PDB file of N, CA and C in Angstrom:
ATOM      1  N   MET A   1      -4.166   6.883 -14.867  1.00  0.00           N
ATOM      2  CA  MET A   1      -3.035   6.529 -14.089  1.00  0.00           C
ATOM      3  C   MET A   1      -1.603   6.709 -15.449  1.00  0.00           C
ATOM      4  N   GLU A   2      -1.696   6.253 -16.348  1.00  0.00           N
ATOM      5  CA  GLU A   2      -0.501   6.836 -17.183  1.00  0.00           C
ATOM      6  C   GLU A   2      -1.258   8.155 -17.436  1.00  0.00           C
ATOM      7  N   GLU A   3      -1.866   8.985 -17.796  1.00  0.00           N
ATOM      8  CA  GLU A   3      -1.886  10.429 -17.905  1.00  0.00           C
ATOM      9  C   GLU A   3      -1.577  10.902 -16.742  1.00  0.00           C
ATOM     10  N   SER A   4      -1.703  10.459 -15.556  1.00  0.00           N
ATOM     11  CA  SER A   4      -1.021  11.260 -14.247  1.00  0.00           C
ATOM     12  C   SER A   4       0.449  11.498 -14.421  1.00  0.00           C
ATOM     13  N   GLY A   5       1.199  10.495 -15.170  1.00  0.00           N
ATOM     14  CA  GLY A   5       2.676  10.595 -15.335  1.00  0.00           C
ATOM     15  C   GLY A   5       3.329   9.466 -14.317  1.00  0.00           C
ATOM     16  N   LEU A   6       2.365   8.232 -14.417  1.00  0.00           N
ATOM     17  CA  LEU A   6       2.816   7.357 -13.609  1.00  0.00           C
ATOM     18  C   LEU A   6       3.743   6.451 -13.808  1.00  0.00           C
ATOM     19  N   LYS A   7       4.198   6.487 -15.265  1.00  0.00           N
ATOM     20  CA  LYS A   7       5.721   5.683 -15.592  1.00  0.00           C
ATOM     21  C   LYS A   7       6.828   6.270 -14.890  1.00  0.00           C
ATOM     22  N   SER A   8       6.637   8.108 -14.828  1.00  0.00           N
ATOM     23  CA  SER A   8       7.690   8.093 -14.166  1.00  0.00           C
ATOM     24  C   SER A   8       8.109   9.167 -12.881  1.00  0.00           C
ATOM     25  N   ALA A   9       6.652   8.053 -11.977  1.00  0.00           N
ATOM     26  CA  ALA A   9       6.709   8.884 -11.134  1.00  0.00           C
ATOM     27  C   ALA A   9       7.666   7.677  -9.961  1.00  0.00           C
ATOM     28  N   ASP A  10       8.236   8.184  -8.418  1.00  0.00           N
ATOM     29  CA  ASP A  10       9.271   7.083  -8.095  1.00  0.00           C
ATOM     30  C   ASP A  10       8.354   6.369  -7.143  1.00  0.00           C
ATOM     31  N   ILE A  11       7.299   6.929  -6.406  1.00  0.00           N
ATOM     32  CA  ILE A  11       6.518   6.603  -5.547  1.00  0.00           C
ATOM     33  C   ILE A  11       4.372   6.970  -5.909  1.00  0.00           C
ATOM     34  N   ILE A  12       3.792   5.659  -5.752  1.00  0.00           N
ATOM     35  CA  ILE A  12       2.354   6.029  -5.931  1.00  0.00           C
ATOM     36  C   ILE A  12       1.867   5.390  -4.207  1.00  0.00           C
ATOM     37  N   LEU A  13       0.902   6.829  -3.952  1.00  0.00           N
ATOM     38  CA  LEU A  13       0.588   6.647  -2.106  1.00  0.00           C
ATOM     39  C   LEU A  13      -1.231   6.092  -2.247  1.00  0.00           C
ATOM     40  N   ALA A  14      -1.446   4.588  -1.799  1.00  0.00           N
ATOM     41  CA  ALA A  14      -2.857   4.147  -2.208  1.00  0.00           C
ATOM     42  C   ALA A  14      -3.664   3.997  -1.396  1.00  0.00           C
ATOM     43  N   VAL A  15      -3.932   5.525  -0.448  1.00  0.00           N
ATOM     44  CA  VAL A  15      -4.175   5.803   0.372  1.00  0.00           C
ATOM     45  C   VAL A  15      -5.839   6.528   0.690  1.00  0.00           C
ATOM     46  N   THR A  16      -6.385   5.686  -0.407  1.00  0.00           N
ATOM     47  CA  THR A  16      -8.176   6.067  -0.380  1.00  0.00           C
ATOM     48  C   THR A  16      -8.911   5.445   1.234  1.00  0.00           C
ATOM     49  N   ASP A  17      -9.744   5.692   1.323  1.00  0.00           N
ATOM     50  CA  ASP A  17     -11.005   4.887   2.846  1.00  0.00           C
ATOM     51  C   ASP A  17     -11.218   3.580   2.111  1.00  0.00           C
ATOM     52  N   LYS A  18     -11.324   3.317   1.244  1.00  0.00           N
ATOM     53  CA  LYS A  18     -11.107   2.073   0.772  1.00  0.00           C
ATOM     54  C   LYS A  18     -10.122   1.122   0.149  1.00  0.00           C
ATOM     55  N   ASP A  19     -10.183  -0.160   0.995  1.00  0.00           N
ATOM     56  CA  ASP A  19      -8.600  -0.982   1.086  1.00  0.00           C
ATOM     57  C   ASP A  19      -8.887  -1.448  -0.377  1.00  0.00           C
ATOM     58  N   GLU A  20      -9.949  -2.001  -1.262  1.00  0.00           N
ATOM     59  CA  GLU A  20     -10.374  -2.327  -2.229  1.00  0.00           C
ATOM     60  C   GLU A  20     -10.045  -1.280  -3.614  1.00  0.00           C
ATOM     61  N   VAL A  21     -10.110  -0.174  -3.175  1.00  0.00           N
ATOM     62  CA  VAL A  21      -9.439   0.757  -4.076  1.00  0.00           C
ATOM     63  C   VAL A  21      -7.883   0.550  -4.181  1.00  0.00           C
ATOM     64  N   ASN A  22      -7.525   0.818  -3.324  1.00  0.00           N
ATOM     65  CA  ASN A  22      -6.116   1.002  -2.650  1.00  0.00           C
ATOM     66  C   ASN A  22      -5.493  -0.374  -3.184  1.00  0.00           C
ATOM     67  N   LEU A  23      -5.756  -1.297  -3.056  1.00  0.00           N
ATOM     68  CA  LEU A  23      -5.087  -2.702  -3.686  1.00  0.00           C
ATOM     69  C   LEU A  23      -5.349  -2.627  -5.235  1.00  0.00           C
ATOM     70  N   ILE A  24      -6.260  -2.455  -5.853  1.00  0.00           N
ATOM     71  CA  ILE A  24      -6.366  -2.347  -7.391  1.00  0.00           C
ATOM     72  C   ILE A  24      -5.433  -1.200  -7.668  1.00  0.00           C
ATOM     73  N   ALA A  25      -5.177   0.185  -7.184  1.00  0.00           N
ATOM     74  CA  ALA A  25      -4.634   0.712  -7.572  1.00  0.00           C
ATOM     75  C   ALA A  25      -3.021   0.307  -7.441  1.00  0.00           C
ATOM     76  N   CYS A  26      -2.571  -0.495  -6.716  1.00  0.00           N
ATOM     77  CA  CYS A  26      -1.174  -1.045  -6.596  1.00  0.00           C
ATOM     78  C   CYS A  26      -1.020  -2.028  -7.429  1.00  0.00           C
ATOM     79  N   PHE A  27      -2.454  -2.576  -8.126  1.00  0.00           N
ATOM     80  CA  PHE A  27      -2.362  -3.823  -9.326  1.00  0.00           C
ATOM     81  C   PHE A  27      -2.149  -2.899  -9.944  1.00  0.00           C
ATOM     82  N   PHE A  28      -2.910  -2.115 -10.403  1.00  0.00           N
ATOM     83  CA  PHE A  28      -2.900  -1.282 -11.895  1.00  0.00           C
ATOM     84  C   PHE A  28      -1.439  -0.754 -11.990  1.00  0.00           C
ATOM     85  N   ALA A  29      -0.818  -0.142 -10.993  1.00  0.00           N
ATOM     86  CA  ALA A  29       0.564   0.536 -10.723  1.00  0.00           C
ATOM     87  C   ALA A  29       1.567   0.026 -11.090  1.00  0.00           C
ATOM     88  N   ASN A  30       1.209  -1.471 -10.420  1.00  0.00           N
ATOM     89  CA  ASN A  30       2.151  -2.474 -10.906  1.00  0.00           C
ATOM     90  C   ASN A  30       2.325  -3.365 -12.189  1.00  0.00           C
ATOM     91  N   VAL A  31       1.520  -2.963 -12.860  1.00  0.00           N
ATOM     92  CA  VAL A  31       1.124  -3.832 -14.401  1.00  0.00           C
ATOM     93  C   VAL A  31       2.086  -2.458 -15.279  1.00  0.00           C
ATOM     94  N   ILE A  32       1.391  -1.169 -14.791  1.00  0.00           N
ATOM     95  CA  ILE A  32       1.967  -0.034 -15.773  1.00  0.00           C
ATOM     96  C   ILE A  32       3.335   0.249 -15.352  1.00  0.00           C
ATOM     97  N   ALA A  33       3.407   0.157 -14.205  1.00  0.00           N
ATOM     98  CA  ALA A  33       5.160   1.230 -13.917  1.00  0.00           C
ATOM     99  C   ALA A  33       5.618   0.134 -12.806  1.00  0.00           C
ATOM    100  N   PRO A  34       6.018  -1.042 -13.124  1.00  0.00           N
ATOM    101  CA  PRO A  34       6.581  -1.956 -12.038  1.00  0.00           C
ATOM    102  C   PRO A  34       7.822  -1.593 -11.150  1.00  0.00           C
ATOM    103  N   HIS A  35       8.576  -0.687 -11.687  1.00  0.00           N
ATOM    104  CA  HIS A  35       9.647  -0.561 -10.662  1.00  0.00           C
ATOM    105  C   HIS A  35       8.976   0.968  -9.749  1.00  0.00           C
ATOM    106  N   THR A  36       8.097   1.287 -10.126  1.00  0.00           N
ATOM    107  CA  THR A  36       7.459   2.077  -8.960  1.00  0.00           C
ATOM    108  C   THR A  36       7.703   1.917  -7.742  1.00  0.00           C
ATOM    109  N   GLN A  37       7.829   2.045  -7.171  1.00  0.00           N
ATOM    110  CA  GLN A  37       7.351   1.944  -5.332  1.00  0.00           C
ATOM    111  C   GLN A  37       5.810   1.755  -5.257  1.00  0.00           C
ATOM    112  N   LYS A  38       5.271   1.488  -4.543  1.00  0.00           N
ATOM    113  CA  LYS A  38       3.575   1.607  -4.142  1.00  0.00           C
ATOM    114  C   LYS A  38       3.726   1.362  -2.581  1.00  0.00           C
ATOM    115  N   VAL A  39       2.693   2.156  -2.074  1.00  0.00           N
ATOM    116  CA  VAL A  39       2.528   2.600  -0.870  1.00  0.00           C
ATOM    117  C   VAL A  39       0.772   2.248  -0.515  1.00  0.00           C
ATOM    118  N   ALA A  40       0.592   1.193  -0.254  1.00  0.00           N
ATOM    119  CA  ALA A  40      -1.056   1.603   0.369  1.00  0.00           C
ATOM    120  C   ALA A  40      -1.711   1.385   1.943  1.00  0.00           C
ATOM    121  N   LEU A  41      -2.300   1.718   1.740  1.00  0.00           N
ATOM    122  CA  LEU A  41      -2.979   2.386   3.243  1.00  0.00           C
ATOM    123  C   LEU A  41      -4.551   1.362   3.340  1.00  0.00           C
ATOM    124  N   ILE A  42      -4.247  -0.072   4.373  1.00  0.00           N
ATOM    125  CA  ILE A  42      -5.252  -1.616   4.255  1.00  0.00           C
ATOM    126  C   ILE A  42      -5.373  -1.509   5.873  1.00  0.00           C
ATOM    127  N   ARG A  43      -6.724  -1.239   5.886  1.00  0.00           N
ATOM    128  CA  ARG A  43      -6.925  -1.024   7.333  1.00  0.00           C
ATOM    129  C   ARG A  43      -7.681  -2.685   7.981  1.00  0.00           C
ATOM    130  N   ASN A  44      -8.634  -3.558   6.793  1.00  0.00           N
ATOM    131  CA  ASN A  44      -9.100  -4.521   7.420  1.00  0.00           C
ATOM    132  C   ASN A  44      -8.258  -5.881   7.763  1.00  0.00           C
ATOM    133  N   PRO A  45      -8.321  -6.281   8.717  1.00  0.00           N
ATOM    134  CA  PRO A  45      -7.272  -7.026   9.793  1.00  0.00           C
ATOM    135  C   PRO A  45      -7.674  -8.075   8.342  1.00  0.00           C
ATOM    136  N   ASP A  46      -8.828  -8.839   7.984  1.00  0.00           N
ATOM    137  CA  ASP A  46      -8.530  -9.894   6.453  1.00  0.00           C
ATOM    138  C   ASP A  46      -7.546  -9.929   5.494  1.00  0.00           C
ATOM    139  N   TYR A  47      -6.588  -8.794   5.128  1.00  0.00           N
ATOM    140  CA  TYR A  47      -6.293  -7.953   4.317  1.00  0.00           C
ATOM    141  C   TYR A  47      -5.256  -8.422   5.164  1.00  0.00           C
ATOM    142  N   ILE A  48      -4.378  -7.836   6.200  1.00  0.00           N
ATOM    143  CA  ILE A  48      -3.505  -7.298   6.477  1.00  0.00           C
ATOM    144  C   ILE A  48      -2.896  -9.388   6.590  1.00  0.00           C
ATOM    145  N   SER A  49      -3.871  -9.906   7.002  1.00  0.00           N
ATOM    146  CA  SER A  49      -2.894 -11.068   7.366  1.00  0.00           C
ATOM    147  C   SER A  49      -2.443 -11.543   5.989  1.00  0.00           C
ATOM    148  N   TYR A  50      -2.461 -11.190   5.155  1.00  0.00           N
ATOM    149  CA  TYR A  50      -1.998 -11.592   3.570  1.00  0.00           C
ATOM    150  C   TYR A  50      -0.557 -10.330   3.851  1.00  0.00           C
ATOM    151  N   ARG A  51      -0.202  -9.635   4.467  1.00  0.00           N
ATOM    152  CA  ARG A  51       0.507  -8.702   4.504  1.00  0.00           C
ATOM    153  C   ARG A  51       2.190  -9.087   3.165  1.00  0.00           C
ATOM    154  N   GLU A  52       2.507 -10.127   3.742  1.00  0.00           N
ATOM    155  CA  GLU A  52       3.421 -11.066   3.124  1.00  0.00           C
ATOM    156  C   GLU A  52       3.551 -11.266   1.263  1.00  0.00           C
ATOM    157  N   ALA A  53       2.208 -11.503   1.239  1.00  0.00           N
ATOM    158  CA  ALA A  53       1.986 -11.551   0.087  1.00  0.00           C
ATOM    159  C   ALA A  53       1.523 -10.416  -0.744  1.00  0.00           C
ATOM    160  N   LEU A  54       1.044  -9.500  -0.212  1.00  0.00           N
ATOM    161  CA  LEU A  54       1.000  -8.239  -0.761  1.00  0.00           C
ATOM    162  C   LEU A  54       1.834  -7.619  -1.152  1.00  0.00           C
ATOM    163  N   THR A  55       2.977  -7.601  -0.473  1.00  0.00           N
ATOM    164  CA  THR A  55       3.881  -6.995  -0.818  1.00  0.00           C
ATOM    165  C   THR A  55       4.775  -7.624  -1.717  1.00  0.00           C
ATOM    166  N   ARG A  56       5.339  -9.135  -2.166  1.00  0.00           N
ATOM    167  CA  ARG A  56       5.667  -9.563  -3.544  1.00  0.00           C
ATOM    168  C   ARG A  56       4.756  -9.761  -4.619  1.00  0.00           C
ATOM    169  N   ASP A  57       5.460 -10.997  -5.076  1.00  0.00           N
ATOM    170  CA  ASP A  57       4.189 -11.610  -6.356  1.00  0.00           C
ATOM    171  C   ASP A  57       3.277 -10.979  -7.329  1.00  0.00           C
ATOM    172  N   ILE A  58       2.499 -10.805  -7.423  1.00  0.00           N
ATOM    173  CA  ILE A  58       1.885  -9.997  -7.536  1.00  0.00           C
ATOM    174  C   ILE A  58       1.443  -8.479  -7.920  1.00  0.00           C
ATOM    175  N   LEU A  59       0.836  -8.103  -6.748  1.00  0.00           N
ATOM    176  CA  LEU A  59       1.133  -6.701  -5.954  1.00  0.00           C
ATOM    177  C   LEU A  59       2.255  -5.875  -6.390  1.00  0.00           C
ATOM    178  N   ASN A  60       2.997  -6.698  -5.427  1.00  0.00           N
ATOM    179  CA  ASN A  60       4.830  -5.653  -5.679  1.00  0.00           C
ATOM    180  C   ASN A  60       4.806  -4.727  -4.599  1.00  0.00           C
ATOM    181  N   ILE A  61       3.702  -4.080  -3.309  1.00  0.00           N
ATOM    182  CA  ILE A  61       3.757  -4.044  -2.963  1.00  0.00           C
ATOM    183  C   ILE A  61       4.547  -3.501  -1.651  1.00  0.00           C
ATOM    184  N   SER A  62       5.343  -2.063  -1.640  1.00  0.00           N
ATOM    185  CA  SER A  62       6.421  -1.471  -1.047  1.00  0.00           C
ATOM    186  C   SER A  62       6.275  -2.027   0.334  1.00  0.00           C
ATOM    187  N   LEU A  63       5.134  -1.258   0.498  1.00  0.00           N
ATOM    188  CA  LEU A  63       4.799  -0.839   2.393  1.00  0.00           C
ATOM    189  C   LEU A  63       3.145  -0.727   2.547  1.00  0.00           C
ATOM    190  N   VAL A  64       2.921  -2.068   3.161  1.00  0.00           N
ATOM    191  CA  VAL A  64       1.266  -1.898   4.048  1.00  0.00           C
ATOM    192  C   VAL A  64       1.194  -1.185   4.779  1.00  0.00           C
ATOM    193  N   ILE A  65       0.666  -0.224   5.167  1.00  0.00           N
ATOM    194  CA  ILE A  65       0.320   0.673   6.478  1.00  0.00           C
ATOM    195  C   ILE A  65      -1.233   0.225   6.910  1.00  0.00           C
ATOM    196  N   ASN A  66      -0.715  -0.226   7.957  1.00  0.00           N
ATOM    197  CA  ASN A  66      -2.202  -0.180   8.940  1.00  0.00           C
ATOM    198  C   ASN A  66      -2.448   0.627  10.101  1.00  0.00           C
ATOM    199  N   PRO A  67      -3.010   1.802   9.999  1.00  0.00           N
ATOM    200  CA  PRO A  67      -2.754   2.784  11.346  1.00  0.00           C
ATOM    201  C   PRO A  67      -2.952   2.267  12.884  1.00  0.00           C
ATOM    202  N   GLU A  68      -4.247   1.580  12.625  1.00  0.00           N
ATOM    203  CA  GLU A  68      -4.398   0.918  13.792  1.00  0.00           C
ATOM    204  C   GLU A  68      -3.554  -0.126  14.760  1.00  0.00           C
ATOM    205  N   MET A  69      -2.465  -0.991  13.843  1.00  0.00           N
ATOM    206  CA  MET A  69      -1.596  -2.043  14.332  1.00  0.00           C
ATOM    207  C   MET A  69      -0.872  -0.830  14.774  1.00  0.00           C
ATOM    208  N   GLU A  70      -0.412   0.098  13.980  1.00  0.00           N
ATOM    209  CA  GLU A  70       0.877   0.662  13.892  1.00  0.00           C
ATOM    210  C   GLU A  70       0.798   1.384  15.265  1.00  0.00           C
ATOM    211  N   VAL A  71      -0.036   2.046  15.833  1.00  0.00           N
ATOM    212  CA  VAL A  71      -0.447   2.531  16.710  1.00  0.00           C
ATOM    213  C   VAL A  71      -0.193   1.713  18.089  1.00  0.00           C
ATOM    214  N   VAL A  72      -0.794   0.456  17.854  1.00  0.00           N
ATOM    215  CA  VAL A  72      -0.500  -0.189  19.175  1.00  0.00           C
ATOM    216  C   VAL A  72       1.087  -0.466  19.077  1.00  0.00           C
ATOM    217  N   LYS A  73       1.948  -0.456  17.926  1.00  0.00           N
ATOM    218  CA  LYS A  73       2.952  -0.860  17.834  1.00  0.00           C
ATOM    219  C   LYS A  73       4.250  -0.152  18.409  1.00  0.00           C
ATOM    220  N   THR A  74       3.830   1.490  18.354  1.00  0.00           N
ATOM    221  CA  THR A  74       4.300   2.388  19.117  1.00  0.00           C
ATOM    222  C   THR A  74       4.403   2.332  20.350  1.00  0.00           C
ATOM    223  N   PRO A  75       5.711   2.678  21.119  1.00  0.00           N
ATOM    224  CA  PRO A  75       6.231   2.610  22.626  1.00  0.00           C
ATOM    225  C   PRO A  75       5.158   4.631  23.260  1.00  0.00           C
ATOM    226  N   SER A  76       5.006   3.995  24.078  1.00  0.00           N
ATOM    227  CA  SER A  76       4.098   4.900  24.791  1.00  0.00           C
ATOM    228  C   SER A  76       5.354   5.889  25.634  1.00  0.00           C
ATOM    229  N   CYS A  77       4.035   7.552  25.413  1.00  0.00           N
ATOM    230  CA  CYS A  77       4.560   8.562  25.527  1.00  0.00           C
ATOM    231  C   CYS A  77       4.240   9.106  26.960  1.00  0.00           C
ATOM    232  N   ALA A  78       3.422   7.874  27.499  1.00  0.00           N
ATOM    233  CA  ALA A  78       3.320   9.017  28.887  1.00  0.00           C
ATOM    234  C   ALA A  78       4.157   8.894  29.990  1.00  0.00           C
ATOM    235  N   SER A  79       3.777   9.911  30.601  1.00  0.00           N
ATOM    236  CA  SER A  79       4.663  10.456  32.057  1.00  0.00           C
ATOM    237  C   SER A  79       4.242  10.140  33.173  1.00  0.00           C
TER     238      SER A  79
END
């Protein structure tokens, strides 16, 4: 992550298909570049229940995205 220029990055997107990889990426990003914004794709509802804890304290994730929950929250465009 340091070799990729994380220290000078404005944002890191952790959007693999594995929640755990995304969380670990955000953890290390927070250690290496605490002021870089972190966005994590998290699909597991068990992890989503800790959304508030993930966005502060140790991981300091700027935004947690769960596509399934976002679809449910989006107003229908049906005519």
